[in-house]
Every structure is written in structure tokens, then in C-alpha cells.
Amino acid sequence: MFDKSTWIRLPRSVVVGHGVISQTADVLSELYLDGRPLIVTSPSPRKIAGEQVVAALGETGQEPAVVVVEEASFAAVEEVIETARAEEVGFLIGLGGGKPIDIAKMAADTLDAGFVSIPTAASHDGIVSGRGSVPEGDTRHSVAAHPPLAVIADTELIANAPWRLTTAGCADIISNYTAVKDWQLAHRLKNVEYSEYAGALSQMTAELLVERSDSIKQGLEESAWAVIKALVSSGVAMSIAGSSRPASGAEHLISHQLDRIAPGAALHGHQVGVASIVTEYLHSGTGGQWREVRAALADLEAPTDATSLGIDAEQFVQAMTTAHEIRDRYTILGDGVSEEAAIEAATVTDVI
């Protein structure tokens, strides 16, 4: 008897393009959200776009409360939850980069409230996914949450964001290429449930970005448009799968371990990008497509080796050999890669 079922949560509206932040009030009105909004942002995004959103909502009679977070932490999530309860807000808006969006997402999930994502930078696929990432000490926790009800991505703002944030977002997408291979491997060897549709969508998104990497340029809205569409596709793939599997494999485990070994050395997207070079080599050897992955990162002016991440060779090898301990997720790392194998993979690919 067939008894399989699934529940896919996707954004109701995804609004992308030039100047669309001015449509925030209209987008919110179509969601039929009740109550006062709470905007969660950080200092720079507040100056760039926060005041504009506050003024626009104020004109509609929705006087939003505002919380400015300095860093991503569980304490910041608790602060947002306490403010939301004290101000009796009905829904939350995450405005900024990954930090305020993840915090607002996780707080909204705890409050069982609606959440809207307004990214001002294309730094990672968390702008539309159902997961939040928050560091605690030398560990980074990935927490399940509901995806946003709407995403409002203004390409004018995003094109003017620091270029390194955009290249980190691109590298995060490119790393999907090996994440899907890890997912397929876990399906074959460990009978992990695999979604053909989610896997194909994630892999196609990564491949398109690899193929078009030389056309992604700093300051171009067309480039911001392409990157945002890729990040949205990646987030949708995760929603379809009901997990982060389509966008998180061994390369993410290595990145999380680097967060412990060398905290703050590099952006998450840049770390997973470099790690995807070596994980592709581990999957396919010298005949694999690690050269294409490396070339795409170079086209984007993203880091392609440990040195450009601010990490020394010993630290990178240590991360490779211990990353399997991060979580119970089967990948090409298996139950651990030997130091010799890690050095060989990182040396052949010029990562160290």
C-alpha cells in the first residue's frame, strides 16, 4: 500500500528586481498578515534600506518595531523573541545579510509567526531556505525553521553590496555541485531518502553558475539578478527535499570544522567553495570536474585555496580529516579521510 506523503513549504511571493524594496508594503498587504511588524536588521542594512522600509510601512499605518543585532547568536534570537512578545508584534521581517535574516527566521519559528526576507546582500542561500545558522562558541549550529512567506530582493541594493559577499553567495551555490553527489552517495550506500527533483534542481543551479561564472561582474544588476535567482532555486530545492541535503555535503562539514579551527578567518560561502574543489576531487579523482569548479571560483574572484581564506595548510588538512565528526551525515568523507589522502587531494587541486 502506498502511504508516502510530504509537506513542502515554499514562499508565497518572490519579488526580485530593480527598486522592488519600494513594493514592500504592497507585498505585505497580499500576505494578509495581522499585527504589528518587527524588523530585525543590523547597523549597515538599517542605514541602507531599513529607514526606507520603516517609513513606507509607517505610511500604511503599520508602525514597525525595530531590533538591531550586532552579531548572530542564540542570545540575539532570544532578544528578538522577547521584543516581539513585549511589542505584541504579528510578524517579523529580516532585513540585511545572512545574520539578521537567520535570526529573524529562527525567532519567527519559535513564535509561530510569519516571516518575510528582505536581503540586502546575496551572501548565501539562507535568504529563502528553511534553515538558520548561528554560531555558538567554536561551533556553528544549523537549525530547521520555516522558509519565509515572501522574499523581496532589490537588485539595485544587492549589486551595490560589498563584492566579497556576492562572491561568497556564488561559491555557496557552486558547492551544491558536490553536495548533491554526496546526497546520491548516501542514498546508494546508506539508503538515505533522495529526491530526484530536488537533487536535479540544485545541481542544475550549480552547473548554470559554473558555466556563466565569467559573466558575473561587480556592480552589475544583471549579475545580482542571476545570483539571486540561483540562491532562490537552491532554497526551493531544500524546501522540496525537506532538508539541507541538496546544498550541504562534505564541503559544508569541512567549512563548519574550519569555523572551529580558525574562527572568523573567512566567509562561509568562500570556505565551502574551496572545500568543494577537494570534495569533487575525492568523488571523481583527476578526471573529475574540480578544475571547472576552481576556474569558476577564480572567474568570480572568490578564494580558490586555503591561503586566500586566511587558513594555513595544516589547518585545512585538519579540517578535512576531522569534518566527518561534525554531524551524522554520510558524505564522501565516510568515517574519516586519512591525513595522507587529504594532503594528496588538497595538493593536487592546489588548495594547499
Protein backbone atom coordinates (compact mmCIF):
# COMPACT_ATOMS: atom_id res chain seq x y z
CA MET A 1 0.00 0.00 0.00
CA PHE A 2 1.36 3.45 -0.93
CA ASP A 3 1.39 5.70 2.14
CA LYS A 4 4.11 8.19 1.30
CA SER A 5 3.38 11.88 1.93
CA THR A 6 5.27 15.14 2.12
CA TRP A 7 4.71 18.75 3.17
CA ILE A 8 6.60 21.31 1.07
CA ARG A 9 6.77 24.84 2.42
CA LEU A 10 7.65 27.48 -0.17
CA PRO A 11 7.50 31.29 -0.23
CA ARG A 12 4.18 32.64 -1.49
CA SER A 13 5.87 35.54 -3.25
CA VAL A 14 9.38 36.09 -4.57
CA VAL A 15 9.85 39.66 -5.79
CA VAL A 16 13.17 40.35 -7.49
CA GLY A 17 14.38 43.34 -9.48
CA HIS A 18 15.36 46.98 -9.62
CA GLY A 19 13.87 49.10 -6.83
CA VAL A 20 11.46 46.41 -5.62
CA ILE A 21 12.09 47.31 -1.98
CA SER A 22 9.64 50.16 -2.62
CA GLN A 23 6.97 47.47 -3.09
CA THR A 24 7.39 46.10 0.44
CA ALA A 25 4.08 47.43 1.72
CA ASP A 26 2.23 46.02 -1.29
CA VAL A 27 3.85 42.61 -0.89
CA LEU A 28 2.95 42.51 2.80
CA SER A 29 -0.65 43.50 2.10
CA GLU A 30 -1.05 40.50 -0.21
CA LEU A 31 0.11 38.16 2.55
CA TYR A 32 -2.76 39.23 4.83
CA LEU A 33 -0.52 39.28 7.87
CA ASP A 34 -2.07 40.56 11.08
CA GLY A 35 -0.45 42.67 13.74
CA ARG A 36 2.50 44.97 14.03
CA PRO A 37 5.69 44.09 12.12
CA LEU A 38 9.07 43.70 13.79
CA ILE A 39 12.08 44.48 11.60
CA VAL A 40 15.26 42.60 12.51
CA THR A 41 18.30 44.22 10.93
CA SER A 42 21.95 45.13 11.55
CA PRO A 43 23.64 48.56 11.50
CA SER A 44 24.66 48.87 7.83
CA PRO A 45 21.45 47.46 6.29
CA ARG A 46 19.43 49.71 8.58
CA LYS A 47 21.14 52.76 7.10
CA ILE A 48 20.94 51.45 3.53
CA ALA A 49 17.34 50.28 3.47
CA GLY A 50 15.86 49.98 6.95
CA GLU A 51 14.74 53.56 7.33
CA GLN A 52 13.07 53.43 3.90
CA VAL A 53 11.10 50.30 4.86
CA VAL A 54 10.12 51.76 8.25
CA ALA A 55 8.86 54.95 6.57
CA ALA A 56 6.94 53.03 3.89
CA LEU A 57 5.20 50.83 6.43
CA GLY A 58 4.50 53.84 8.62
CA GLU A 59 2.58 55.46 5.77
CA THR A 60 0.24 52.44 5.70
CA GLY A 61 -0.40 52.67 9.43
CA GLN A 62 1.94 49.80 10.28
CA GLU A 63 4.45 51.35 12.69
CA PRO A 64 7.11 48.63 12.90
CA ALA A 65 9.24 47.84 15.91
CA VAL A 66 12.94 47.52 15.13
CA VAL A 67 15.69 45.37 16.62
CA VAL A 68 19.30 45.98 15.51
CA VAL A 69 21.53 42.95 16.03
CA GLU A 70 25.30 43.24 16.13
CA GLU A 71 26.17 39.55 15.83
CA ALA A 72 24.50 36.23 15.16
CA SER A 73 23.95 34.27 18.37
CA PHE A 74 21.27 32.42 20.25
CA ALA A 75 21.24 35.35 22.67
CA ALA A 76 20.29 37.62 19.76
CA VAL A 77 17.48 35.22 18.81
CA GLU A 78 16.18 35.36 22.40
CA GLU A 79 16.37 39.16 22.36
CA VAL A 80 14.24 39.27 19.22
CA ILE A 81 11.72 36.82 20.73
CA GLU A 82 11.44 38.91 23.91
CA THR A 83 10.99 42.13 21.92
CA ALA A 84 8.35 40.53 19.70
CA ARG A 85 6.36 39.42 22.74
CA ALA A 86 6.75 42.75 24.55
CA GLU A 87 5.72 44.76 21.48
CA GLU A 88 2.94 42.27 20.64
CA VAL A 89 4.05 42.02 17.02
CA GLY A 90 2.30 39.83 14.49
CA PHE A 91 5.12 39.00 12.09
CA LEU A 92 8.85 39.52 11.54
CA ILE A 93 10.91 40.98 8.73
CA GLY A 94 14.57 40.02 8.34
CA LEU A 95 16.37 42.86 6.55
CA GLY A 96 20.06 42.63 5.68
CA GLY A 97 22.55 39.85 5.07
CA GLY A 98 22.57 36.36 6.48
CA LYS A 99 22.85 37.43 10.11
CA PRO A 100 19.55 39.32 10.65
CA ILE A 101 17.66 37.05 8.24
CA ASP A 102 18.71 33.87 10.08
CA ILE A 103 17.94 35.43 13.47
CA ALA A 104 14.51 36.67 12.37
CA LYS A 105 13.75 33.29 10.76
CA MET A 106 14.59 31.34 13.90
CA ALA A 107 12.72 33.75 16.18
CA ALA A 108 9.65 33.63 13.94
CA ASP A 109 9.71 29.83 14.05
CA THR A 110 9.73 29.85 17.86
CA LEU A 111 6.94 32.43 17.96
CA ASP A 112 4.95 30.60 15.27
CA ALA A 113 4.76 33.93 13.44
CA GLY A 114 5.06 34.89 9.79
CA PHE A 115 8.46 35.84 8.42
CA VAL A 116 9.48 37.93 5.40
CA SER A 117 13.02 38.04 3.99
CA ILE A 118 14.49 41.26 2.55
CA PRO A 119 18.13 40.55 1.65
CA THR A 120 20.49 43.45 1.02
CA ALA A 121 23.34 41.10 0.02
CA ALA A 122 23.48 37.79 -1.85
CA SER A 123 25.89 36.13 0.55
CA HIS A 124 24.22 32.68 0.93
CA ASP A 125 21.07 30.68 0.20
CA GLY A 126 19.62 31.30 3.66
CA ILE A 127 17.60 34.19 2.23
CA VAL A 128 14.93 31.73 1.10
CA SER A 129 15.69 28.40 2.80
CA GLY A 130 14.05 26.85 5.82
CA ARG A 131 17.23 26.73 7.87
CA GLY A 132 19.04 29.19 10.11
CA SER A 133 22.72 29.12 11.01
CA VAL A 134 24.01 30.54 14.28
CA PRO A 135 27.46 30.17 15.87
CA GLU A 136 27.88 29.18 19.50
CA GLY A 137 31.43 29.21 20.81
CA ASP A 138 33.56 27.35 18.28
CA THR A 139 30.55 25.53 16.78
CA ARG A 140 28.03 26.63 14.17
CA HIS A 141 24.52 25.24 14.54
CA SER A 142 22.20 24.74 11.58
CA VAL A 143 18.61 24.88 12.82
CA ALA A 144 15.42 23.94 10.98
CA ALA A 145 12.83 26.70 10.60
CA HIS A 146 10.03 27.66 8.25
CA PRO A 147 11.07 29.37 4.99
CA PRO A 148 9.94 32.98 4.50
CA LEU A 149 6.42 33.77 3.35
CA ALA A 150 7.91 36.24 0.89
CA VAL A 151 11.32 37.29 -0.40
CA ILE A 152 11.89 40.86 -1.59
CA ALA A 153 15.29 41.11 -3.28
CA ASP A 154 16.18 44.53 -4.67
CA THR A 155 18.90 44.00 -7.27
CA GLU A 156 19.98 47.64 -7.06
CA LEU A 157 20.82 47.24 -3.37
CA ILE A 158 22.41 43.84 -3.87
CA ALA A 159 24.56 44.99 -6.81
CA ASN A 160 25.98 47.72 -4.56
CA ALA A 161 26.71 45.38 -1.66
CA PRO A 162 30.36 44.51 -0.93
CA TRP A 163 31.57 42.28 -3.78
CA ARG A 164 33.01 39.69 -1.42
CA LEU A 165 29.51 38.98 -0.10
CA THR A 166 28.24 38.32 -3.62
CA THR A 167 31.17 36.05 -4.45
CA ALA A 168 30.51 34.15 -1.21
CA GLY A 169 26.91 33.60 -2.31
CA CYS A 170 28.09 32.37 -5.70
CA ALA A 171 30.57 29.98 -4.09
CA ASP A 172 27.82 28.67 -1.81
CA ILE A 173 25.74 27.83 -4.88
CA ILE A 174 28.66 26.25 -6.74
CA SER A 175 29.23 23.97 -3.75
CA ASN A 176 25.80 22.42 -4.40
CA TYR A 177 27.51 20.54 -7.19
CA THR A 178 29.33 18.27 -4.75
CA ALA A 179 26.60 18.38 -2.09
CA VAL A 180 24.25 16.59 -4.49
CA LYS A 181 26.91 13.98 -5.24
CA ASP A 182 27.24 13.34 -1.52
CA TRP A 183 23.46 13.01 -1.22
CA GLN A 184 23.39 10.50 -4.07
CA LEU A 185 26.25 8.58 -2.47
CA ALA A 186 24.41 8.42 0.86
CA HIS A 187 21.32 7.19 -0.99
CA ARG A 188 23.26 4.36 -2.64
CA LEU A 189 25.33 3.28 0.36
CA LYS A 190 23.14 4.19 3.36
CA ASN A 191 19.64 4.14 1.84
CA VAL A 192 19.16 7.83 2.69
CA GLU A 193 15.99 9.11 1.04
CA TYR A 194 16.79 11.02 -2.14
CA SER A 195 14.60 13.40 -4.14
CA GLU A 196 15.36 13.31 -7.86
CA TYR A 197 13.60 16.63 -8.37
CA ALA A 198 15.35 18.48 -5.53
CA GLY A 199 18.71 17.00 -6.50
CA ALA A 200 18.30 17.88 -10.18
CA LEU A 201 17.20 21.44 -9.35
CA SER A 202 20.15 22.01 -7.02
CA GLN A 203 22.69 20.51 -9.41
CA MET A 204 21.32 22.42 -12.40
CA THR A 205 21.56 25.66 -10.44
CA ALA A 206 25.21 24.99 -9.56
CA GLU A 207 26.09 23.97 -13.11
CA LEU A 208 24.50 27.09 -14.59
CA LEU A 209 26.51 29.31 -12.28
CA VAL A 210 29.72 27.42 -13.12
CA GLU A 211 29.03 27.81 -16.84
CA ARG A 212 28.23 31.53 -16.53
CA SER A 213 30.77 32.48 -13.88
CA ASP A 214 32.73 34.70 -16.28
CA SER A 215 29.63 36.87 -16.82
CA ILE A 216 29.05 37.63 -13.13
CA LYS A 217 30.60 41.05 -12.61
CA GLN A 218 30.85 43.51 -9.76
CA GLY A 219 28.32 46.33 -9.72
CA LEU A 220 26.08 44.89 -12.47
CA GLU A 221 22.42 44.49 -11.62
CA GLU A 222 22.14 41.73 -14.21
CA SER A 223 24.70 39.78 -12.18
CA ALA A 224 22.80 40.42 -8.96
CA TRP A 225 19.66 39.17 -10.72
CA ALA A 226 21.38 35.93 -11.80
CA VAL A 227 22.84 35.27 -8.35
CA ILE A 228 19.56 35.91 -6.53
CA LYS A 229 17.69 33.57 -8.87
CA ALA A 230 20.29 30.87 -8.16
CA LEU A 231 20.01 31.38 -4.40
CA VAL A 232 16.21 31.17 -4.63
CA SER A 233 16.44 27.94 -6.64
CA SER A 234 18.80 26.46 -4.06
CA GLY A 235 16.46 27.38 -1.21
CA VAL A 236 13.49 25.90 -3.06
CA ALA A 237 15.43 22.65 -3.60
CA MET A 238 15.95 22.39 0.16
CA SER A 239 12.26 23.02 0.81
CA ILE A 240 11.30 20.29 -1.66
CA ALA A 241 13.75 17.87 -0.05
CA GLY A 242 12.68 18.79 3.47
CA SER A 243 16.35 19.02 4.46
CA SER A 244 19.56 20.87 3.63
CA ARG A 245 20.89 17.84 1.73
CA PRO A 246 20.65 19.46 -1.76
CA ALA A 247 23.01 22.23 -0.67
CA SER A 248 25.09 20.78 2.13
CA GLY A 249 27.53 17.90 1.94
CA ALA A 250 31.15 17.24 2.83
CA GLU A 251 32.16 20.74 1.75
CA HIS A 252 29.87 22.21 4.42
CA LEU A 253 31.21 19.82 7.06
CA ILE A 254 34.74 20.98 6.23
CA SER A 255 33.62 24.61 6.47
CA HIS A 256 31.97 24.03 9.85
CA GLN A 257 35.17 22.42 11.09
CA LEU A 258 37.18 25.39 9.82
CA ASP A 259 34.88 27.61 11.90
CA ARG A 260 36.12 25.70 14.94
CA ILE A 261 39.79 25.54 13.96
CA ALA A 262 40.14 29.08 12.58
CA PRO A 263 37.06 31.05 13.68
CA GLY A 264 36.36 34.21 11.70
CA ALA A 265 39.06 33.56 9.12
CA ALA A 266 36.74 33.62 6.09
CA LEU A 267 33.14 33.86 4.97
CA HIS A 268 31.07 30.67 5.00
CA GLY A 269 30.45 30.76 1.24
CA HIS A 270 34.14 31.14 0.46
CA GLN A 271 35.04 28.23 2.73
CA VAL A 272 32.52 25.84 1.17
CA GLY A 273 33.66 26.95 -2.29
CA VAL A 274 37.28 26.00 -1.64
CA ALA A 275 36.20 22.80 0.11
CA SER A 276 34.09 21.83 -2.91
CA ILE A 277 37.25 21.75 -5.04
CA VAL A 278 38.77 19.00 -2.92
CA THR A 279 35.50 17.12 -2.37
CA GLU A 280 34.96 16.99 -6.14
CA TYR A 281 38.45 15.51 -6.44
CA LEU A 282 37.60 12.93 -3.77
CA HIS A 283 34.47 11.99 -5.70
CA SER A 284 35.96 11.72 -9.18
CA GLY A 285 39.76 11.86 -8.99
CA THR A 286 41.96 13.59 -11.54
CA GLY A 287 39.36 13.10 -14.27
CA GLY A 288 36.66 14.91 -12.32
CA GLN A 289 35.40 18.43 -12.71
CA TRP A 290 37.34 20.00 -9.86
CA ARG A 291 39.20 22.15 -12.41
CA GLU A 292 35.89 23.60 -13.64
CA VAL A 293 34.83 24.33 -10.07
CA ARG A 294 38.16 26.01 -9.34
CA ALA A 295 38.07 28.00 -12.59
CA ALA A 296 34.55 29.23 -11.86
CA LEU A 297 35.57 30.45 -8.41
CA ALA A 298 38.60 32.20 -9.95
CA ASP A 299 36.34 33.88 -12.55
CA LEU A 300 34.26 35.24 -9.69
CA GLU A 301 37.35 36.46 -7.81
CA ALA A 302 36.44 34.11 -4.97
CA PRO A 303 39.13 32.27 -2.99
CA THR A 304 40.45 29.07 -4.55
CA ASP A 305 42.93 27.95 -1.89
CA ALA A 306 43.50 27.85 1.84
CA THR A 307 45.91 30.78 1.82
CA SER A 308 43.35 33.12 0.28
CA LEU A 309 40.93 32.03 3.01
CA GLY A 310 43.47 33.10 5.62
CA ILE A 311 43.94 29.46 6.67
CA ASP A 312 47.23 27.57 6.65
CA ALA A 313 47.72 24.17 5.05
CA GLU A 314 47.83 22.29 8.36
CA GLN A 315 44.51 23.77 9.45
CA PHE A 316 42.84 22.87 6.18
CA VAL A 317 44.11 19.28 6.29
CA GLN A 318 42.99 19.01 9.91
CA ALA A 319 39.51 20.15 8.89
CA MET A 320 39.38 17.58 6.08
CA THR A 321 40.40 14.70 8.34
CA THR A 322 38.01 15.56 11.20
CA ALA A 323 34.99 17.07 9.42
CA HIS A 324 33.11 13.75 9.44
CA GLU A 325 32.75 14.16 13.21
CA ILE A 326 30.62 17.31 12.84
CA ARG A 327 27.28 15.57 12.34
CA ASP A 328 25.73 12.26 11.44
CA ARG A 329 25.54 12.90 7.70
CA TYR A 330 27.14 10.43 5.31
CA THR A 331 29.33 12.02 2.65
CA ILE A 332 32.38 11.21 0.56
CA LEU A 333 34.38 11.68 3.78
CA GLY A 334 32.87 8.44 5.07
CA ASP A 335 34.15 7.64 8.55
CA GLY A 336 37.19 9.84 8.03
CA VAL A 337 39.79 10.69 5.39
CA SER A 338 43.40 9.83 6.22
CA GLU A 339 45.91 12.65 6.52
CA GLU A 340 47.80 11.29 3.51
CA ALA A 341 44.66 11.25 1.34
CA ALA A 342 43.69 14.75 2.49
CA ILE A 343 47.14 16.13 1.69
CA GLU A 344 47.12 14.46 -1.72
CA ALA A 345 43.66 15.84 -2.63
CA ALA A 346 44.48 19.34 -1.43
CA THR A 347 47.90 19.34 -3.10
CA VAL A 348 46.78 18.01 -6.49
CA THR A 349 43.99 20.62 -6.62
CA ASP A 350 46.36 23.41 -5.48
CA VAL A 351 44.21 24.13 -2.44
CA ILE A 352 47.33 23.96 -0.28
